[in-house]
Amino acid sequence: MEILSCQGVTKVFGKGDNQVTALNGIDLTVEKGEFTAIVGASGSGKSTLLHILGSVDRPTEGSVLVEGVDIGGMNASEAAVFRRRKVGLVYQFYNLIPTLTVEKNILMPLLLDKRKPDPDYLGTVVKTLGLEDKREALPGQLSGGQQQRVAIARSLIYRPALLLADEPTGNLDRKNSREIVDMLKFSNRNFNQTVLMITHDEKIALEADRVITIEDGRIVGDRSGDSVGRTISDHCGGPAGQRDGGLQGKRR
C-alpha cells in the first residue's frame, strides 16, 4: 500500500541573485511499513525534503500526497492538525516540555485534540521504550537517551501515517544511538510504522531497508535489500562501514 507519493517536488528559497534551489524535481513513493534512510552531504536538501513531507514547510512546485491527501494545499491550521495526527516527528533535539511529566509529554498530541488515550496502547508504547518507571519524571531528570525515547513515544501515540526522524541520534553517544535505532526498528517491525530517517552515520543508514541518497536537491541513489550497502559506497566514496570517505562526520 502506497502511503507517500511526491511528484516534481521543488523548493526554492530567496529571489534573484539570492535564489537557492534546495530541491529540484523530487519524485518519490514510499510503501506502508518501509524503513527508509535518507542520506546526503550538508546542504543536499534532505532536511528540506523531510520538512515538506511533514507539512512543516511547503514545496514551491509539485505535489505531496500522504494517504492520498495532498498536503501542499493545506493552510497553516490544517497543516498543524495534519502534523499532529498523521506525522510523528523526532528531531536531534528532543523538544519536550520541561514542566510536564514524561507521560503528559507523550500524550501531548492527544491532549491538544482533547482525545482520550488508549490505555493499553499507551502501556505498550511506554513498556516497549523502557519508560515504565519514568512516567511521572520530568524531562530534566532523564538522560539524553531517555529523553529521545520520550520523543519517539510521543511520535507514536497517535499511530501516525509517517514517523519522520531528523538526525535522531545526532546528540547521543554511540550506546544511546544504538538503542534509539533499535527502537525505531522495533516500531517499524512491531507497530508496522513507516519510518523515514535522516542520518549522516553510514552504520545507522545500513540498518534501514532502503537508502535514498540526495545530492544538490536531486535523488541520485535509491536502493533496497542487498544493494543498500552499495548505495553508500557509490555515493560516499568508499566501502560501507569505513569511516574515511563515507558518511561519517558529514552533517546536513
C-alpha atoms as a PDB file:
ATOM      1  CA  MET A   1       0.000   0.000   0.000  1.00  0.00           C
ATOM      2  CA  GLU A   2       1.444   3.357  -1.093  1.00  0.00           C
ATOM      3  CA  ILE A   3       1.409   5.738   1.860  1.00  0.00           C
ATOM      4  CA  LEU A   4       3.504   8.612   0.451  1.00  0.00           C
ATOM      5  CA  SER A   5       3.825   9.991  -3.057  1.00  0.00           C
ATOM      6  CA  CYS A   6       5.874  13.002  -4.182  1.00  0.00           C
ATOM      7  CA  GLN A   7       5.818  14.255  -7.756  1.00  0.00           C
ATOM      8  CA  GLY A   8       8.050  17.015  -9.068  1.00  0.00           C
ATOM      9  CA  VAL A   9       8.700  18.481  -5.627  1.00  0.00           C
ATOM     10  CA  THR A  10      10.819  21.614  -5.923  1.00  0.00           C
ATOM     11  CA  LYS A  11      11.722  24.080  -3.180  1.00  0.00           C
ATOM     12  CA  VAL A  12      13.250  27.474  -3.912  1.00  0.00           C
ATOM     13  CA  PHE A  13      14.433  29.929  -1.276  1.00  0.00           C
ATOM     14  CA  GLY A  14      15.099  33.614  -1.941  1.00  0.00           C
ATOM     15  CA  LYS A  15      14.828  35.641  -5.139  1.00  0.00           C
ATOM     16  CA  GLY A  16      17.056  36.960  -7.874  1.00  0.00           C
ATOM     17  CA  ASP A  17      20.767  36.668  -7.166  1.00  0.00           C
ATOM     18  CA  ASN A  18      19.988  35.195  -3.750  1.00  0.00           C
ATOM     19  CA  GLN A  19      17.788  32.398  -5.097  1.00  0.00           C
ATOM     20  CA  VAL A  20      18.712  28.892  -3.973  1.00  0.00           C
ATOM     21  CA  THR A  21      17.068  25.712  -5.244  1.00  0.00           C
ATOM     22  CA  ALA A  22      17.082  23.322  -2.293  1.00  0.00           C
ATOM     23  CA  LEU A  23      15.023  20.596  -4.001  1.00  0.00           C
ATOM     24  CA  ASN A  24      14.784  20.080  -7.740  1.00  0.00           C
ATOM     25  CA  GLY A  25      12.041  17.830  -9.098  1.00  0.00           C
ATOM     26  CA  ILE A  26      11.907  15.124  -6.427  1.00  0.00           C
ATOM     27  CA  ASP A  27       9.826  12.056  -7.352  1.00  0.00           C
ATOM     28  CA  LEU A  28       9.388   9.558  -4.528  1.00  0.00           C
ATOM     29  CA  THR A  29       6.954   6.892  -3.374  1.00  0.00           C
ATOM     30  CA  VAL A  30       7.012   5.041  -0.061  1.00  0.00           C
ATOM     31  CA  GLU A  31       5.032   1.926   0.816  1.00  0.00           C
ATOM     32  CA  LYS A  32       3.416   1.404   4.197  1.00  0.00           C
ATOM     33  CA  GLY A  33       5.770  -0.316   6.628  1.00  0.00           C
ATOM     34  CA  GLU A  34       9.024   0.691   4.910  1.00  0.00           C
ATOM     35  CA  PHE A  35      12.046   1.791   6.941  1.00  0.00           C
ATOM     36  CA  THR A  36      13.925   4.255   4.745  1.00  0.00           C
ATOM     37  CA  ALA A  37      17.110   6.211   5.418  1.00  0.00           C
ATOM     38  CA  ILE A  38      17.762   9.483   3.590  1.00  0.00           C
ATOM     39  CA  VAL A  39      21.433  10.384   3.316  1.00  0.00           C
ATOM     40  CA  GLY A  40      23.436  13.197   1.770  1.00  0.00           C
ATOM     41  CA  ALA A  41      26.048  15.837   2.464  1.00  0.00           C
ATOM     42  CA  SER A  42      25.351  19.110   4.232  1.00  0.00           C
ATOM     43  CA  GLY A  43      23.177  21.319   2.039  1.00  0.00           C
ATOM     44  CA  SER A  44      21.996  18.447  -0.162  1.00  0.00           C
ATOM     45  CA  GLY A  45      18.327  19.140   0.595  1.00  0.00           C
ATOM     46  CA  LYS A  46      17.462  16.106   2.705  1.00  0.00           C
ATOM     47  CA  SER A  47      16.215  18.067   5.728  1.00  0.00           C
ATOM     48  CA  THR A  48      14.201  20.371   3.474  1.00  0.00           C
ATOM     49  CA  LEU A  49      12.554  17.296   1.976  1.00  0.00           C
ATOM     50  CA  LEU A  50      11.731  15.903   5.410  1.00  0.00           C
ATOM     51  CA  HIS A  51      10.184  19.218   6.479  1.00  0.00           C
ATOM     52  CA  ILE A  52       7.969  19.232   3.390  1.00  0.00           C
ATOM     53  CA  LEU A  53       6.908  15.614   3.939  1.00  0.00           C
ATOM     54  CA  GLY A  54       5.929  16.542   7.492  1.00  0.00           C
ATOM     55  CA  SER A  55       3.984  19.664   6.376  1.00  0.00           C
ATOM     56  CA  VAL A  56       6.402  21.879   8.322  1.00  0.00           C
ATOM     57  CA  ASP A  57       7.158  23.616   5.003  1.00  0.00           C
ATOM     58  CA  ARG A  58       5.521  23.761   1.575  1.00  0.00           C
ATOM     59  CA  PRO A  59       7.004  22.957  -1.823  1.00  0.00           C
ATOM     60  CA  THR A  60       7.384  25.757  -4.348  1.00  0.00           C
ATOM     61  CA  GLU A  61       6.226  23.323  -7.027  1.00  0.00           C
ATOM     62  CA  GLY A  62       4.973  19.753  -7.116  1.00  0.00           C
ATOM     63  CA  SER A  63       2.650  17.643  -5.009  1.00  0.00           C
ATOM     64  CA  VAL A  64       2.962  15.596  -1.818  1.00  0.00           C
ATOM     65  CA  LEU A  65       0.264  13.046  -1.033  1.00  0.00           C
ATOM     66  CA  VAL A  66       0.079  11.255   2.319  1.00  0.00           C
ATOM     67  CA  GLU A  67      -2.543   8.511   2.418  1.00  0.00           C
ATOM     68  CA  GLY A  68      -3.950  10.083  -0.748  1.00  0.00           C
ATOM     69  CA  VAL A  69      -4.323  13.568   0.754  1.00  0.00           C
ATOM     70  CA  ASP A  70      -2.488  16.464  -0.927  1.00  0.00           C
ATOM     71  CA  ILE A  71      -0.812  18.245   1.976  1.00  0.00           C
ATOM     72  CA  GLY A  72       0.709  21.034  -0.120  1.00  0.00           C
ATOM     73  CA  GLY A  73      -2.575  22.911  -0.379  1.00  0.00           C
ATOM     74  CA  MET A  74      -3.302  22.983   3.348  1.00  0.00           C
ATOM     75  CA  ASN A  75      -3.444  26.272   5.227  1.00  0.00           C
ATOM     76  CA  ALA A  76      -1.451  26.726   8.437  1.00  0.00           C
ATOM     77  CA  SER A  77      -4.137  25.429  10.799  1.00  0.00           C
ATOM     78  CA  GLU A  78      -4.929  22.426   8.598  1.00  0.00           C
ATOM     79  CA  ALA A  79      -1.226  21.605   8.354  1.00  0.00           C
ATOM     80  CA  ALA A  80      -0.864  21.790  12.146  1.00  0.00           C
ATOM     81  CA  VAL A  81      -3.717  19.320  12.658  1.00  0.00           C
ATOM     82  CA  PHE A  82      -2.313  17.039   9.958  1.00  0.00           C
ATOM     83  CA  ARG A  83       1.120  17.062  11.610  1.00  0.00           C
ATOM     84  CA  ARG A  84      -0.337  16.260  14.986  1.00  0.00           C
ATOM     85  CA  ARG A  85      -2.466  13.367  13.764  1.00  0.00           C
ATOM     86  CA  LYS A  86      -0.628  11.897  10.804  1.00  0.00           C
ATOM     87  CA  VAL A  87       3.077  12.628  11.280  1.00  0.00           C
ATOM     88  CA  GLY A  88       5.354  11.647  14.127  1.00  0.00           C
ATOM     89  CA  LEU A  89       8.357  13.989  14.205  1.00  0.00           C
ATOM     90  CA  VAL A  90      11.584  13.088  16.002  1.00  0.00           C
ATOM     91  CA  TYR A  91      14.418  15.605  15.961  1.00  0.00           C
ATOM     92  CA  GLN A  92      18.040  15.644  17.095  1.00  0.00           C
ATOM     93  CA  PHE A  93      16.907  17.834  19.993  1.00  0.00           C
ATOM     94  CA  TYR A  94      14.010  16.346  21.876  1.00  0.00           C
ATOM     95  CA  ASN A  95      11.565  19.296  22.050  1.00  0.00           C
ATOM     96  CA  LEU A  96       9.988  18.116  25.289  1.00  0.00           C
ATOM     97  CA  ILE A  97       8.026  20.462  27.558  1.00  0.00           C
ATOM     98  CA  PRO A  98      10.214  20.716  30.682  1.00  0.00           C
ATOM     99  CA  THR A  99       7.365  21.390  33.121  1.00  0.00           C
ATOM    100  CA  LEU A 100       5.311  18.354  32.073  1.00  0.00           C
ATOM    101  CA  THR A 101       5.820  14.756  33.143  1.00  0.00           C
ATOM    102  CA  VAL A 102       7.028  12.090  30.756  1.00  0.00           C
ATOM    103  CA  GLU A 103       3.505  10.724  30.383  1.00  0.00           C
ATOM    104  CA  LYS A 104       1.987  14.121  29.601  1.00  0.00           C
ATOM    105  CA  ASN A 105       4.726  14.832  27.068  1.00  0.00           C
ATOM    106  CA  ILE A 106       3.941  11.529  25.366  1.00  0.00           C
ATOM    107  CA  LEU A 107       0.208  12.259  25.359  1.00  0.00           C
ATOM    108  CA  MET A 108       0.529  15.885  24.195  1.00  0.00           C
ATOM    109  CA  PRO A 109      -0.752  15.280  20.606  1.00  0.00           C
ATOM    110  CA  LEU A 110      -3.893  13.640  22.022  1.00  0.00           C
ATOM    111  CA  LEU A 111      -4.338  16.261  24.742  1.00  0.00           C
ATOM    112  CA  LEU A 112      -4.247  19.047  22.150  1.00  0.00           C
ATOM    113  CA  ASP A 113      -7.134  17.321  20.358  1.00  0.00           C
ATOM    114  CA  LYS A 114      -8.929  16.624  23.656  1.00  0.00           C
ATOM    115  CA  ARG A 115      -8.874  12.915  22.923  1.00  0.00           C
ATOM    116  CA  LYS A 116      -8.618  10.145  25.459  1.00  0.00           C
ATOM    117  CA  PRO A 117      -5.643   7.807  25.095  1.00  0.00           C
ATOM    118  CA  ASP A 118      -5.989   4.075  24.646  1.00  0.00           C
ATOM    119  CA  PRO A 119      -4.507   2.892  27.970  1.00  0.00           C
ATOM    120  CA  ASP A 120      -3.455  -0.478  26.545  1.00  0.00           C
ATOM    121  CA  TYR A 121      -1.617   1.097  23.619  1.00  0.00           C
ATOM    122  CA  LEU A 122      -0.038   3.739  25.861  1.00  0.00           C
ATOM    123  CA  GLY A 123       1.148   0.986  28.182  1.00  0.00           C
ATOM    124  CA  THR A 124       2.614  -0.971  25.270  1.00  0.00           C
ATOM    125  CA  VAL A 125       4.496   2.055  23.924  1.00  0.00           C
ATOM    126  CA  VAL A 126       5.823   3.052  27.354  1.00  0.00           C
ATOM    127  CA  LYS A 127       6.914  -0.506  28.133  1.00  0.00           C
ATOM    128  CA  THR A 128       8.497  -1.020  24.716  1.00  0.00           C
ATOM    129  CA  LEU A 129      10.581   2.135  25.107  1.00  0.00           C
ATOM    130  CA  GLY A 130      11.664   1.293  28.647  1.00  0.00           C
ATOM    131  CA  LEU A 131       9.866   4.219  30.282  1.00  0.00           C
ATOM    132  CA  GLU A 132       7.547   2.388  32.685  1.00  0.00           C
ATOM    133  CA  ASP A 133       9.286   3.716  35.793  1.00  0.00           C
ATOM    134  CA  LYS A 134       9.690   7.238  34.337  1.00  0.00           C
ATOM    135  CA  ARG A 135       6.060   8.205  33.699  1.00  0.00           C
ATOM    136  CA  GLU A 136       5.969  10.831  36.466  1.00  0.00           C
ATOM    137  CA  ALA A 137       9.520  12.090  35.941  1.00  0.00           C
ATOM    138  CA  LEU A 138      10.269  15.481  34.393  1.00  0.00           C
ATOM    139  CA  PRO A 139      12.456  15.686  31.273  1.00  0.00           C
ATOM    140  CA  GLY A 140      15.270  17.324  33.249  1.00  0.00           C
ATOM    141  CA  GLN A 141      15.520  14.195  35.385  1.00  0.00           C
ATOM    142  CA  LEU A 142      16.244  11.995  32.350  1.00  0.00           C
ATOM    143  CA  SER A 143      19.370  11.226  30.361  1.00  0.00           C
ATOM    144  CA  GLY A 144      19.629  12.291  26.721  1.00  0.00           C
ATOM    145  CA  GLY A 145      18.815   8.786  25.541  1.00  0.00           C
ATOM    146  CA  GLN A 146      15.760   8.607  27.781  1.00  0.00           C
ATOM    147  CA  GLN A 147      14.529  11.992  26.548  1.00  0.00           C
ATOM    148  CA  GLN A 148      14.811  10.794  22.952  1.00  0.00           C
ATOM    149  CA  ARG A 149      12.782   7.709  23.895  1.00  0.00           C
ATOM    150  CA  VAL A 150      10.062  10.026  25.195  1.00  0.00           C
ATOM    151  CA  ALA A 151      10.148  11.913  21.891  1.00  0.00           C
ATOM    152  CA  ILE A 152       9.745   8.639  19.989  1.00  0.00           C
ATOM    153  CA  ALA A 153       6.870   7.569  22.245  1.00  0.00           C
ATOM    154  CA  ARG A 154       5.167  10.928  21.615  1.00  0.00           C
ATOM    155  CA  SER A 155       5.588  10.437  17.871  1.00  0.00           C
ATOM    156  CA  LEU A 156       3.922   7.009  18.058  1.00  0.00           C
ATOM    157  CA  ILE A 157       0.994   7.820  20.338  1.00  0.00           C
ATOM    158  CA  TYR A 158      -1.344   8.913  17.515  1.00  0.00           C
ATOM    159  CA  ARG A 159      -0.367   5.875  15.379  1.00  0.00           C
ATOM    160  CA  PRO A 160       0.745   8.241  12.596  1.00  0.00           C
ATOM    161  CA  ALA A 161       0.946   7.516   8.893  1.00  0.00           C
ATOM    162  CA  LEU A 162       4.623   8.527   8.901  1.00  0.00           C
ATOM    163  CA  LEU A 163       7.356   8.714  11.507  1.00  0.00           C
ATOM    164  CA  LEU A 164       9.963  11.238  10.334  1.00  0.00           C
ATOM    165  CA  ALA A 165      13.254  11.219  12.226  1.00  0.00           C
ATOM    166  CA  ASP A 166      15.736  14.041  11.529  1.00  0.00           C
ATOM    167  CA  GLU A 167      19.195  13.006  12.808  1.00  0.00           C
ATOM    168  CA  PRO A 168      17.596  11.286  15.835  1.00  0.00           C
ATOM    169  CA  THR A 169      20.973  10.095  17.141  1.00  0.00           C
ATOM    170  CA  GLY A 170      22.931  13.260  16.383  1.00  0.00           C
ATOM    171  CA  ASN A 171      23.014  14.395  20.018  1.00  0.00           C
ATOM    172  CA  LEU A 172      23.718  10.978  21.575  1.00  0.00           C
ATOM    173  CA  ASP A 173      26.716   8.789  22.312  1.00  0.00           C
ATOM    174  CA  ARG A 174      27.190   5.509  20.436  1.00  0.00           C
ATOM    175  CA  LYS A 175      25.478   3.337  23.052  1.00  0.00           C
ATOM    176  CA  ASN A 176      22.357   5.503  23.190  1.00  0.00           C
ATOM    177  CA  SER A 177      22.422   5.907  19.405  1.00  0.00           C
ATOM    178  CA  ARG A 178      22.314   2.137  19.036  1.00  0.00           C
ATOM    179  CA  GLU A 179      19.351   1.921  21.409  1.00  0.00           C
ATOM    180  CA  ILE A 180      17.400   4.639  19.594  1.00  0.00           C
ATOM    181  CA  VAL A 181      17.923   2.977  16.208  1.00  0.00           C
ATOM    182  CA  ASP A 182      16.828  -0.354  17.694  1.00  0.00           C
ATOM    183  CA  MET A 183      13.653   1.320  18.965  1.00  0.00           C
ATOM    184  CA  LEU A 184      12.898   2.838  15.575  1.00  0.00           C
ATOM    185  CA  LYS A 185      13.387  -0.593  14.018  1.00  0.00           C
ATOM    186  CA  PHE A 186      11.147  -2.165  16.665  1.00  0.00           C
ATOM    187  CA  SER A 187       8.457   0.439  15.940  1.00  0.00           C
ATOM    188  CA  ASN A 188       8.756  -0.351  12.254  1.00  0.00           C
ATOM    189  CA  ARG A 189       8.554  -4.124  12.722  1.00  0.00           C
ATOM    190  CA  ASN A 190       6.109  -4.439  15.607  1.00  0.00           C
ATOM    191  CA  PHE A 191       3.792  -1.467  15.030  1.00  0.00           C
ATOM    192  CA  ASN A 192       4.114  -1.614  11.209  1.00  0.00           C
ATOM    193  CA  GLN A 193       5.230   2.015  11.449  1.00  0.00           C
ATOM    194  CA  THR A 194       6.507   3.645   8.272  1.00  0.00           C
ATOM    195  CA  VAL A 195       9.815   5.345   9.142  1.00  0.00           C
ATOM    196  CA  LEU A 196      11.849   7.884   7.167  1.00  0.00           C
ATOM    197  CA  MET A 197      15.106   8.765   8.875  1.00  0.00           C
ATOM    198  CA  ILE A 198      17.777  11.297   8.022  1.00  0.00           C
ATOM    199  CA  THR A 199      21.258  10.356   9.170  1.00  0.00           C
ATOM    200  CA  HIS A 200      24.880  11.207   8.423  1.00  0.00           C
ATOM    201  CA  ASP A 201      26.083   7.942  10.005  1.00  0.00           C
ATOM    202  CA  GLU A 202      26.674   5.182   7.451  1.00  0.00           C
ATOM    203  CA  LYS A 203      26.296   2.394  10.017  1.00  0.00           C
ATOM    204  CA  ILE A 204      22.895   3.710  11.029  1.00  0.00           C
ATOM    205  CA  ALA A 205      21.844   4.100   7.382  1.00  0.00           C
ATOM    206  CA  LEU A 206      22.664   0.432   6.808  1.00  0.00           C
ATOM    207  CA  GLU A 207      20.028  -0.514   9.388  1.00  0.00           C
ATOM    208  CA  ALA A 208      17.293   0.673   7.010  1.00  0.00           C
ATOM    209  CA  ASP A 209      15.562  -1.474   4.404  1.00  0.00           C
ATOM    210  CA  ARG A 210      16.042   1.248   1.813  1.00  0.00           C
ATOM    211  CA  VAL A 211      18.567   4.058   1.379  1.00  0.00           C
ATOM    212  CA  ILE A 212      17.856   7.187  -0.653  1.00  0.00           C
ATOM    213  CA  THR A 213      20.801   9.436  -1.460  1.00  0.00           C
ATOM    214  CA  ILE A 214      20.281  13.125  -2.225  1.00  0.00           C
ATOM    215  CA  GLU A 215      22.801  15.429  -3.885  1.00  0.00           C
ATOM    216  CA  ASP A 216      22.152  19.051  -4.881  1.00  0.00           C
ATOM    217  CA  GLY A 217      18.425  18.693  -4.339  1.00  0.00           C
ATOM    218  CA  ARG A 218      18.028  15.594  -6.501  1.00  0.00           C
ATOM    219  CA  ILE A 219      17.696  11.895  -5.722  1.00  0.00           C
ATOM    220  CA  VAL A 220      20.827  10.224  -7.104  1.00  0.00           C
ATOM    221  CA  GLY A 221      20.530   6.847  -5.377  1.00  0.00           C
ATOM    222  CA  ASP A 222      17.617   4.669  -4.303  1.00  0.00           C
ATOM    223  CA  ARG A 223      18.368   1.089  -3.341  1.00  0.00           C
ATOM    224  CA  SER A 224      16.950  -1.538  -1.063  1.00  0.00           C
ATOM    225  CA  GLY A 225      17.722  -5.033   0.182  1.00  0.00           C
ATOM    226  CA  ASP A 226      21.210  -6.375  -0.523  1.00  0.00           C
ATOM    227  CA  SER A 227      22.108  -3.315  -2.610  1.00  0.00           C
ATOM    228  CA  VAL A 228      21.779  -0.861   0.304  1.00  0.00           C
ATOM    229  CA  GLY A 229      25.472  -1.064   1.198  1.00  0.00           C
ATOM    230  CA  ARG A 230      26.483  -0.273  -2.379  1.00  0.00           C
ATOM    231  CA  THR A 231      24.380   2.900  -2.313  1.00  0.00           C
ATOM    232  CA  ILE A 232      26.550   4.303   0.445  1.00  0.00           C
ATOM    233  CA  SER A 233      29.757   3.102  -1.191  1.00  0.00           C
ATOM    234  CA  ASP A 234      28.871   4.513  -4.613  1.00  0.00           C
ATOM    235  CA  HIS A 235      27.838   7.960  -3.427  1.00  0.00           C
ATOM    236  CA  CYS A 236      30.049   8.494  -0.396  1.00  0.00           C
ATOM    237  CA  GLY A 237      33.426   7.459  -1.694  1.00  0.00           C
ATOM    238  CA  GLY A 238      34.258   4.117  -0.106  1.00  0.00           C
ATOM    239  CA  PRO A 239      33.067   0.757   1.132  1.00  0.00           C
ATOM    240  CA  ALA A 240      30.155   0.831   3.553  1.00  0.00           C
ATOM    241  CA  GLY A 241      31.395   0.550   7.098  1.00  0.00           C
ATOM    242  CA  GLN A 242      34.603   2.574   6.576  1.00  0.00           C
ATOM    243  CA  ARG A 243      34.864   5.840   8.459  1.00  0.00           C
ATOM    244  CA  ASP A 244      37.084   7.678   5.958  1.00  0.00           C
ATOM    245  CA  GLY A 245      35.343   8.806   2.810  1.00  0.00           C
ATOM    246  CA  GLY A 246      31.926   7.654   3.964  1.00  0.00           C
ATOM    247  CA  LEU A 247      29.086   9.487   5.609  1.00  0.00           C
ATOM    248  CA  GLN A 248      30.856   9.626   8.953  1.00  0.00           C
ATOM    249  CA  GLY A 249      31.386  13.188  10.079  1.00  0.00           C
ATOM    250  CA  LYS A 250      29.145  14.774   7.461  1.00  0.00           C
ATOM    251  CA  ARG A 251      26.206  16.890   8.524  1.00  0.00           C
ATOM    252  CA  ARG A 252      23.071  18.119   6.885  1.00  0.00           C
END
